[in-house]
């Protein structure tokens, strides 16, 4: 009997050790991936000047990058089922490195656009795969949140690197050389990392399409996708056009990048707070309160004219807006963690679709109407997001009562 109990403990410890290593890899991979992906936001004014293009053209490139993310969202979940995590993540890493190399040598608009698109193909593949990877863990909510703390940390590092480059007067292309080095190291760590194996059962493969259809049509998943669509549109556009917005107040890029880093730090603080609160507050309640407070603080920041007060309100906005994608994805997994690959692909698809629409729209409005357009759009999105989440919370139990886990 003692041998049996000892064997069970050893097996449990082995599973926990594997999950810890996977979580560490996911954390670091998302940190490096998002650092390179978000660098473009703060350097928009520099890129526009150097390539002699308008902000609307930069917005178009960002939207094209979002289309690349959309493609990876559709494909990655299915590819994970067919080829497993390790091969798909490796492909994403190689695409990411290829995109960074292209940006390093970008002196023309077309080179910049193509290279940025390739980088986004890689980062999108990595994002979906790593989220799905930790979505299978025993404590999925905390694992997803911790993994996305790495993602948010990348948002802090990116503007700090931009500010450093600005004050050293180096070219913006150097930034993408910096992020290649840790990505190469992560490729080596991936080779030796033990990951969940896929099922090669023909029956499982044949039923995969039918199962995915059931997940896609599930009302609760549809609501999660709508939330993801509105939420990611808000966070991505606010971050991307942050320095452009502050330029209207005659704040130079070096200083606005530091303010952006402070905002990104507030996102990190918010992630840590929610990683703790998720143990005590229901995900649906935490999501609703967070989005409502985000709307309130951003609205106040819009009306306040004092720059210090505005920065403080934006910091409070950041604390509340962060971590909500993790909560949404975790809530989506309530239909069954065995559908993590499909759900990850769907919520990423919805979020990237929103970015395509609103990055282009804000780029156009910023160039032709007002650089304050990002606040007008984001406040509108947050208002509708609050209403939809409130509706979602009232309807959640009915939707969760539908069991799709028996689909064959």
Protein backbone atom coordinates (compact mmCIF):
# COMPACT_ATOMS: atom_id res chain seq x y z
CA UNK A 1 0.00 0.00 0.00
CA UNK A 2 2.83 2.40 0.91
CA UNK A 3 4.52 1.67 -2.43
CA UNK A 4 1.27 2.47 -4.23
CA UNK A 5 0.87 5.81 -2.40
CA UNK A 6 4.53 6.64 -3.01
CA UNK A 7 4.07 5.91 -6.71
CA UNK A 8 1.05 8.22 -6.87
CA UNK A 9 2.96 11.02 -5.13
CA UNK A 10 5.91 10.64 -7.49
CA UNK A 11 3.60 10.74 -10.48
CA UNK A 12 1.89 13.85 -9.16
CA UNK A 13 5.23 15.52 -8.50
CA UNK A 14 6.38 14.64 -12.01
CA UNK A 15 3.24 16.21 -13.53
CA UNK A 16 3.67 19.32 -11.37
CA UNK A 17 7.34 19.64 -12.37
CA UNK A 18 6.46 19.37 -16.06
CA UNK A 19 3.71 21.97 -15.68
CA UNK A 20 6.10 24.34 -13.90
CA UNK A 21 8.66 24.03 -16.70
CA UNK A 22 5.98 24.55 -19.33
CA UNK A 23 4.64 27.58 -17.46
CA UNK A 24 8.14 29.06 -17.19
CA UNK A 25 8.73 28.56 -20.91
CA UNK A 26 5.33 30.04 -21.77
CA UNK A 27 6.02 33.04 -19.52
CA UNK A 28 9.41 33.75 -21.12
CA UNK A 29 8.23 33.09 -24.66
CA UNK A 30 5.28 35.44 -24.34
CA UNK A 31 7.54 38.09 -22.76
CA UNK A 32 10.04 38.02 -25.65
CA UNK A 33 7.35 37.68 -28.31
CA UNK A 34 5.31 40.64 -27.06
CA UNK A 35 8.37 42.84 -26.55
CA UNK A 36 9.14 42.62 -30.27
CA UNK A 37 5.50 42.86 -31.28
CA UNK A 38 4.72 46.01 -29.29
CA UNK A 39 7.88 47.96 -30.11
CA UNK A 40 6.17 49.28 -33.24
CA UNK A 41 3.61 51.30 -31.25
CA UNK A 42 5.93 53.80 -29.57
CA UNK A 43 8.12 54.25 -32.68
CA UNK A 44 5.24 55.07 -35.03
CA UNK A 45 6.23 58.78 -35.23
CA UNK A 46 9.87 57.86 -36.08
CA UNK A 47 8.93 55.24 -38.66
CA UNK A 48 6.45 57.59 -40.34
CA UNK A 49 9.12 60.30 -40.70
CA UNK A 50 11.96 58.01 -41.80
CA UNK A 51 9.89 56.16 -44.38
CA UNK A 52 8.16 59.40 -45.46
CA UNK A 53 4.65 58.05 -44.96
CA UNK A 54 1.54 59.28 -43.16
CA UNK A 55 0.09 57.83 -39.97
CA UNK A 56 -2.70 56.29 -42.03
CA UNK A 57 -0.11 54.19 -43.89
CA UNK A 58 1.39 52.99 -40.61
CA UNK A 59 -2.12 52.17 -39.42
CA UNK A 60 -2.62 50.14 -42.60
CA UNK A 61 0.55 48.12 -41.92
CA UNK A 62 -0.61 47.43 -38.37
CA UNK A 63 -3.98 46.29 -39.72
CA UNK A 64 -2.22 43.98 -42.20
CA UNK A 65 -0.25 42.59 -39.27
CA UNK A 66 -3.53 42.02 -37.50
CA UNK A 67 -4.79 40.10 -40.55
CA UNK A 68 -1.70 37.89 -40.20
CA UNK A 69 -2.68 37.34 -36.56
CA UNK A 70 -6.19 36.50 -37.73
CA UNK A 71 -4.83 33.82 -40.07
CA UNK A 72 -2.76 32.26 -37.29
CA UNK A 73 -5.78 32.32 -34.98
CA UNK A 74 -7.78 30.30 -37.49
CA UNK A 75 -5.04 27.84 -38.34
CA UNK A 76 -2.99 27.31 -35.19
CA UNK A 77 -5.66 25.49 -33.15
CA UNK A 78 -6.13 22.91 -35.93
CA UNK A 79 -2.38 22.61 -36.55
CA UNK A 80 -1.79 21.93 -32.85
CA UNK A 81 -4.21 19.01 -33.08
CA UNK A 82 -2.34 17.61 -36.08
CA UNK A 83 1.32 18.26 -35.30
CA UNK A 84 1.57 18.96 -31.57
CA UNK A 85 2.85 21.92 -29.59
CA UNK A 86 6.59 21.66 -30.14
CA UNK A 87 6.59 21.78 -33.96
CA UNK A 88 4.04 24.58 -34.17
CA UNK A 89 5.78 26.76 -31.57
CA UNK A 90 9.09 26.23 -33.38
CA UNK A 91 7.54 27.38 -36.66
CA UNK A 92 6.22 30.46 -34.87
CA UNK A 93 9.64 31.22 -33.42
CA UNK A 94 11.35 30.94 -36.81
CA UNK A 95 8.79 33.24 -38.44
CA UNK A 96 9.24 35.71 -35.60
CA UNK A 97 13.02 35.78 -36.10
CA UNK A 98 12.62 36.14 -39.88
CA UNK A 99 10.31 39.13 -39.36
CA UNK A 100 12.75 40.80 -36.96
CA UNK A 101 15.62 40.32 -39.42
CA UNK A 102 13.53 41.90 -42.17
CA UNK A 103 12.71 44.91 -39.98
CA UNK A 104 16.39 45.38 -39.14
CA UNK A 105 17.09 45.99 -42.82
CA UNK A 106 13.90 47.94 -43.54
CA UNK A 107 14.54 51.21 -45.34
CA UNK A 108 11.51 51.09 -47.62
CA UNK A 109 7.80 51.02 -46.85
CA UNK A 110 7.22 47.72 -48.67
CA UNK A 111 10.08 45.99 -46.81
CA UNK A 112 8.74 47.30 -43.53
CA UNK A 113 5.19 46.11 -44.31
CA UNK A 114 6.22 42.59 -45.40
CA UNK A 115 8.65 42.09 -42.52
CA UNK A 116 6.14 43.30 -39.93
CA UNK A 117 3.53 40.92 -41.36
CA UNK A 118 5.93 37.95 -41.08
CA UNK A 119 6.75 38.93 -37.49
CA UNK A 120 3.03 38.99 -36.71
CA UNK A 121 2.53 35.56 -38.29
CA UNK A 122 5.17 34.24 -35.92
CA UNK A 123 3.96 36.06 -32.83
CA UNK A 124 0.35 35.03 -33.51
CA UNK A 125 1.32 31.36 -33.78
CA UNK A 126 3.33 31.57 -30.57
CA UNK A 127 0.53 33.40 -28.75
CA UNK A 128 -2.23 30.89 -29.55
CA UNK A 129 0.01 27.86 -28.92
CA UNK A 130 1.42 29.03 -25.58
CA UNK A 131 -2.02 30.03 -24.26
CA UNK A 132 -3.43 26.66 -25.25
CA UNK A 133 -0.42 24.94 -23.70
CA UNK A 134 -1.07 26.31 -20.19
CA UNK A 135 -4.85 26.09 -20.59
CA UNK A 136 -4.57 22.35 -19.92
CA UNK A 137 -2.97 22.85 -16.49
CA UNK A 138 -4.72 21.81 -13.29
CA UNK A 139 -5.05 25.40 -12.04
CA UNK A 140 -5.84 26.91 -15.41
CA UNK A 141 -6.88 30.39 -14.22
CA UNK A 142 -3.61 31.09 -12.39
CA UNK A 143 -1.47 29.45 -15.09
CA UNK A 144 -3.09 31.55 -17.82
CA UNK A 145 -2.71 34.69 -15.70
CA UNK A 146 0.97 33.99 -14.92
CA UNK A 147 1.70 33.26 -18.58
CA UNK A 148 0.11 36.56 -19.54
CA UNK A 149 2.11 38.40 -16.88
CA UNK A 150 5.08 37.58 -19.12
CA UNK A 151 3.11 38.96 -22.08
CA UNK A 152 2.39 42.17 -20.17
CA UNK A 153 6.01 42.46 -19.01
CA UNK A 154 6.93 42.64 -22.69
CA UNK A 155 4.69 45.70 -22.96
CA UNK A 156 6.74 47.32 -20.19
CA UNK A 157 10.13 46.44 -21.68
CA UNK A 158 9.29 47.61 -25.23
CA UNK A 159 8.82 51.34 -24.48
CA UNK A 160 11.83 51.32 -22.15
CA UNK A 161 13.95 50.00 -25.02
CA UNK A 162 12.47 52.66 -27.30
CA UNK A 163 13.32 55.38 -24.79
CA UNK A 164 16.86 54.01 -24.46
CA UNK A 165 17.36 54.01 -28.23
CA UNK A 166 15.92 57.51 -28.46
CA UNK A 167 18.34 58.98 -25.95
CA UNK A 168 21.36 57.11 -27.39
CA UNK A 169 20.32 58.28 -30.89
CA UNK A 170 20.61 54.78 -32.33
CA UNK A 171 18.40 53.74 -35.25
CA UNK A 172 15.04 52.15 -34.46
CA UNK A 173 16.02 48.98 -36.36
CA UNK A 174 18.43 48.08 -33.53
CA UNK A 175 15.44 47.31 -31.33
CA UNK A 176 14.55 44.24 -33.37
CA UNK A 177 18.12 42.95 -33.24
CA UNK A 178 17.91 43.06 -29.43
CA UNK A 179 14.83 40.79 -29.24
CA UNK A 180 16.25 38.16 -31.61
CA UNK A 181 18.91 37.01 -29.12
CA UNK A 182 16.59 35.78 -26.33
CA UNK A 183 14.32 34.21 -28.95
CA UNK A 184 17.19 32.06 -30.23
CA UNK A 185 17.90 30.92 -26.67
CA UNK A 186 14.24 29.96 -26.25
CA UNK A 187 14.45 27.78 -29.35
CA UNK A 188 17.17 25.74 -27.67
CA UNK A 189 15.12 25.43 -24.48
CA UNK A 190 12.11 24.29 -26.54
CA UNK A 191 14.08 21.35 -27.94
CA UNK A 192 14.61 19.86 -24.47
CA UNK A 193 11.18 20.75 -23.05
CA UNK A 194 8.75 17.89 -22.43
CA UNK A 195 5.29 18.76 -23.75
CA UNK A 196 1.88 17.05 -23.87
CA UNK A 197 1.73 14.58 -26.73
CA UNK A 198 -1.05 14.64 -29.30
CA UNK A 199 -3.38 11.78 -30.04
CA UNK A 200 -2.78 10.04 -33.37
CA UNK A 201 -6.08 8.15 -33.22
CA UNK A 202 -7.87 8.24 -36.60
CA UNK A 203 -11.21 8.26 -34.79
CA UNK A 204 -10.12 11.32 -32.81
CA UNK A 205 -9.03 13.08 -36.00
CA UNK A 206 -12.30 12.31 -37.81
CA UNK A 207 -14.37 13.68 -34.95
CA UNK A 208 -12.20 16.80 -34.58
CA UNK A 209 -14.15 18.87 -37.13
CA UNK A 210 -17.51 17.98 -35.58
CA UNK A 211 -16.25 18.77 -32.10
CA UNK A 212 -14.88 22.11 -33.26
CA UNK A 213 -18.22 22.99 -34.85
CA UNK A 214 -19.93 22.34 -31.53
CA UNK A 215 -17.47 24.56 -29.69
CA UNK A 216 -17.75 27.37 -32.25
CA UNK A 217 -21.56 27.37 -32.07
CA UNK A 218 -21.69 27.21 -28.27
CA UNK A 219 -23.49 30.41 -27.06
CA UNK A 220 -21.10 30.95 -24.15
CA UNK A 221 -18.06 30.75 -26.42
CA UNK A 222 -19.69 33.24 -28.80
CA UNK A 223 -20.09 35.69 -25.92
CA UNK A 224 -16.45 35.16 -24.89
CA UNK A 225 -15.41 35.94 -28.46
CA UNK A 226 -17.45 39.16 -28.51
CA UNK A 227 -15.80 40.24 -25.25
CA UNK A 228 -12.39 39.37 -26.70
CA UNK A 229 -13.17 41.35 -29.88
CA UNK A 230 -14.03 44.53 -27.98
CA UNK A 231 -11.44 44.15 -25.22
CA UNK A 232 -8.38 43.55 -27.38
CA UNK A 233 -9.44 46.32 -29.75
CA UNK A 234 -9.36 48.70 -26.78
CA UNK A 235 -6.05 47.61 -25.27
CA UNK A 236 -4.13 47.29 -28.53
CA UNK A 237 -5.24 50.59 -30.01
CA UNK A 238 -4.64 52.48 -26.76
CA UNK A 239 -1.09 51.11 -26.47
CA UNK A 240 -0.25 51.53 -30.15
CA UNK A 241 -1.39 55.16 -30.46
CA UNK A 242 -0.31 56.22 -26.96
CA UNK A 243 2.77 58.24 -27.97
CA UNK A 244 0.90 59.77 -30.92
CA UNK A 245 -1.81 60.97 -28.52
CA UNK A 246 0.74 62.56 -26.18
CA UNK A 247 2.43 64.29 -29.11
CA UNK A 248 -0.66 66.53 -29.29
CA UNK A 249 0.45 67.92 -25.91
CA UNK A 250 3.95 68.67 -27.25
CA UNK A 251 5.52 65.81 -25.29
CA UNK A 252 8.57 64.38 -27.10
CA UNK A 253 8.91 60.68 -27.89
CA UNK A 254 11.58 60.00 -25.27
CA UNK A 255 9.33 61.25 -22.46
CA UNK A 256 6.10 59.80 -23.83
CA UNK A 257 7.81 56.40 -24.13
CA UNK A 258 8.66 56.59 -20.44
CA UNK A 259 5.04 57.47 -19.66
CA UNK A 260 4.01 54.52 -21.83
CA UNK A 261 6.36 52.29 -19.83
CA UNK A 262 4.68 53.53 -16.64
CA UNK A 263 1.29 52.68 -18.15
CA UNK A 264 2.59 49.24 -19.15
CA UNK A 265 3.88 48.83 -15.58
CA UNK A 266 0.35 49.50 -14.36
CA UNK A 267 -0.78 46.62 -16.58
CA UNK A 268 1.76 44.42 -14.85
CA UNK A 269 0.57 45.56 -11.42
CA UNK A 270 -3.00 44.80 -12.46
CA UNK A 271 -1.99 41.31 -13.60
CA UNK A 272 -0.39 40.53 -10.23
CA UNK A 273 -3.43 41.87 -8.37
CA UNK A 274 -5.84 39.79 -10.44
CA UNK A 275 -3.64 36.72 -10.14
CA UNK A 276 -4.32 37.03 -6.40
CA UNK A 277 -7.99 38.06 -6.61
CA UNK A 278 -8.93 35.20 -8.93
CA UNK A 279 -8.61 32.87 -5.92
CA UNK A 280 -11.32 34.78 -4.04
CA UNK A 281 -13.59 36.40 -6.63
CA UNK A 282 -15.51 34.70 -9.42
CA UNK A 283 -14.00 35.33 -12.83
CA UNK A 284 -17.24 36.81 -14.21
CA UNK A 285 -17.56 39.30 -11.33
CA UNK A 286 -13.91 40.31 -11.51
CA UNK A 287 -14.20 40.86 -15.27
CA UNK A 288 -17.29 43.08 -14.95
CA UNK A 289 -15.86 45.26 -12.17
CA UNK A 290 -12.53 45.61 -13.98
CA UNK A 291 -14.07 46.76 -17.26
CA UNK A 292 -16.48 49.18 -15.56
CA UNK A 293 -13.66 50.82 -13.57
CA UNK A 294 -11.54 50.97 -16.73
CA UNK A 295 -14.29 52.95 -18.42
CA UNK A 296 -14.60 55.33 -15.46
CA UNK A 297 -10.87 56.06 -15.16
CA UNK A 298 -10.33 56.52 -18.91
CA UNK A 299 -13.33 58.86 -19.08
CA UNK A 300 -11.88 60.95 -16.24
CA UNK A 301 -8.47 60.97 -17.96
CA UNK A 302 -10.16 62.28 -21.09
CA UNK A 303 -11.66 65.29 -19.31
CA UNK A 304 -8.78 66.12 -16.94
CA UNK A 305 -6.34 68.65 -18.41
CA UNK A 306 -3.56 68.50 -15.80
CA UNK A 307 -0.85 66.21 -17.20
CA UNK A 308 0.10 64.67 -13.83
CA UNK A 309 -3.52 63.90 -12.97
CA UNK A 310 -4.02 62.49 -16.46
CA UNK A 311 -1.04 60.13 -16.05
CA UNK A 312 -2.32 58.95 -12.63
CA UNK A 313 -5.77 58.23 -14.07
CA UNK A 314 -4.23 56.36 -17.01
CA UNK A 315 -2.17 54.34 -14.52
CA UNK A 316 -5.39 53.40 -12.66
CA UNK A 317 -7.01 52.60 -15.99
CA UNK A 318 -4.11 50.26 -16.78
CA UNK A 319 -4.45 48.39 -13.48
CA UNK A 320 -8.10 47.66 -14.19
CA UNK A 321 -7.91 46.96 -17.93
CA UNK A 322 -5.12 44.37 -17.62
CA UNK A 323 -5.66 40.64 -17.27
CA UNK A 324 -9.15 40.58 -18.72
CA UNK A 325 -8.18 38.55 -21.77
CA UNK A 326 -6.85 35.88 -19.41
CA UNK A 327 -10.14 35.90 -17.50
CA UNK A 328 -12.14 35.65 -20.72
CA UNK A 329 -10.07 32.74 -22.03
CA UNK A 330 -10.27 30.95 -18.68
CA UNK A 331 -14.04 31.40 -18.62
CA UNK A 332 -14.25 30.01 -22.15
CA UNK A 333 -12.48 26.86 -20.96
CA UNK A 334 -15.43 26.16 -18.66
CA UNK A 335 -16.94 24.29 -21.60
CA UNK A 336 -14.08 21.78 -21.21
CA UNK A 337 -10.30 22.13 -20.97
CA UNK A 338 -9.96 19.42 -23.62
CA UNK A 339 -11.08 22.10 -26.10
CA UNK A 340 -8.26 24.48 -25.11
CA UNK A 341 -6.74 24.49 -28.63
CA UNK A 342 -10.04 25.40 -30.27
CA UNK A 343 -11.07 27.97 -27.65
CA UNK A 344 -7.62 29.60 -27.75
CA UNK A 345 -7.87 29.92 -31.53
CA UNK A 346 -11.39 31.36 -31.36
CA UNK A 347 -10.74 34.05 -28.73
CA UNK A 348 -7.51 35.06 -30.48
CA UNK A 349 -9.39 35.16 -33.81
CA UNK A 350 -12.01 37.48 -32.33
CA UNK A 351 -9.44 39.73 -30.67
CA UNK A 352 -7.35 40.03 -33.84
CA UNK A 353 -10.42 40.76 -35.96
CA UNK A 354 -11.11 43.72 -33.70
CA UNK A 355 -7.54 44.97 -34.07
CA UNK A 356 -7.82 44.84 -37.88
CA UNK A 357 -10.89 47.04 -37.84
CA UNK A 358 -9.93 49.57 -35.20
CA UNK A 359 -6.19 49.98 -35.83
CA UNK A 360 -6.97 51.06 -39.38
CA UNK A 361 -9.89 53.24 -38.27
CA UNK A 362 -7.87 55.05 -35.58
CA UNK A 363 -4.90 55.45 -37.95
CA UNK A 364 -7.21 57.10 -40.50
CA UNK A 365 -8.95 59.31 -37.94
CA UNK A 366 -5.63 60.29 -36.30
CA UNK A 367 -4.20 61.39 -39.63
CA UNK A 368 -7.28 63.19 -40.98
CA UNK A 369 -9.36 64.30 -37.99
CA UNK A 370 -7.77 64.20 -34.53
CA UNK A 371 -5.04 62.34 -32.67
CA UNK A 372 -7.51 62.18 -29.77
CA UNK A 373 -9.52 59.70 -31.85
CA UNK A 374 -8.02 56.79 -29.92
CA UNK A 375 -9.76 57.97 -26.73
CA UNK A 376 -13.10 58.50 -28.47
CA UNK A 377 -13.03 54.99 -29.93
CA UNK A 378 -11.75 53.24 -26.80
CA UNK A 379 -14.32 54.87 -24.53
CA UNK A 380 -17.08 53.72 -26.88
CA UNK A 381 -15.70 50.18 -26.93
CA UNK A 382 -15.45 50.07 -23.13
CA UNK A 383 -19.06 51.22 -22.77
CA UNK A 384 -20.37 48.43 -25.01
CA UNK A 385 -18.01 45.96 -23.35
CA UNK A 386 -19.47 46.76 -19.92
CA UNK A 387 -23.02 46.25 -21.19
CA UNK A 388 -22.19 42.93 -22.89
CA UNK A 389 -20.32 41.51 -19.89
CA UNK A 390 -23.22 42.46 -17.61
CA UNK A 391 -25.55 40.55 -19.95
CA UNK A 392 -23.10 37.66 -20.16
CA UNK A 393 -22.96 37.34 -16.37
CA UNK A 394 -26.73 37.04 -16.10
CA UNK A 395 -26.88 34.38 -18.81
CA UNK A 396 -23.78 32.40 -17.87
CA UNK A 397 -25.38 29.57 -15.84
CA UNK A 398 -27.82 28.73 -18.61
CA UNK A 399 -25.01 28.51 -21.16
CA UNK A 400 -22.75 26.51 -18.87
CA UNK A 401 -25.56 24.03 -18.40
CA UNK A 402 -25.05 22.86 -21.97
CA UNK A 403 -22.60 19.98 -21.99
CA UNK A 404 -20.66 19.67 -25.23
CA UNK A 405 -18.10 17.33 -23.79
CA UNK A 406 -20.00 14.30 -25.11
CA UNK A 407 -19.72 15.25 -28.77
CA UNK A 408 -18.33 12.36 -30.80
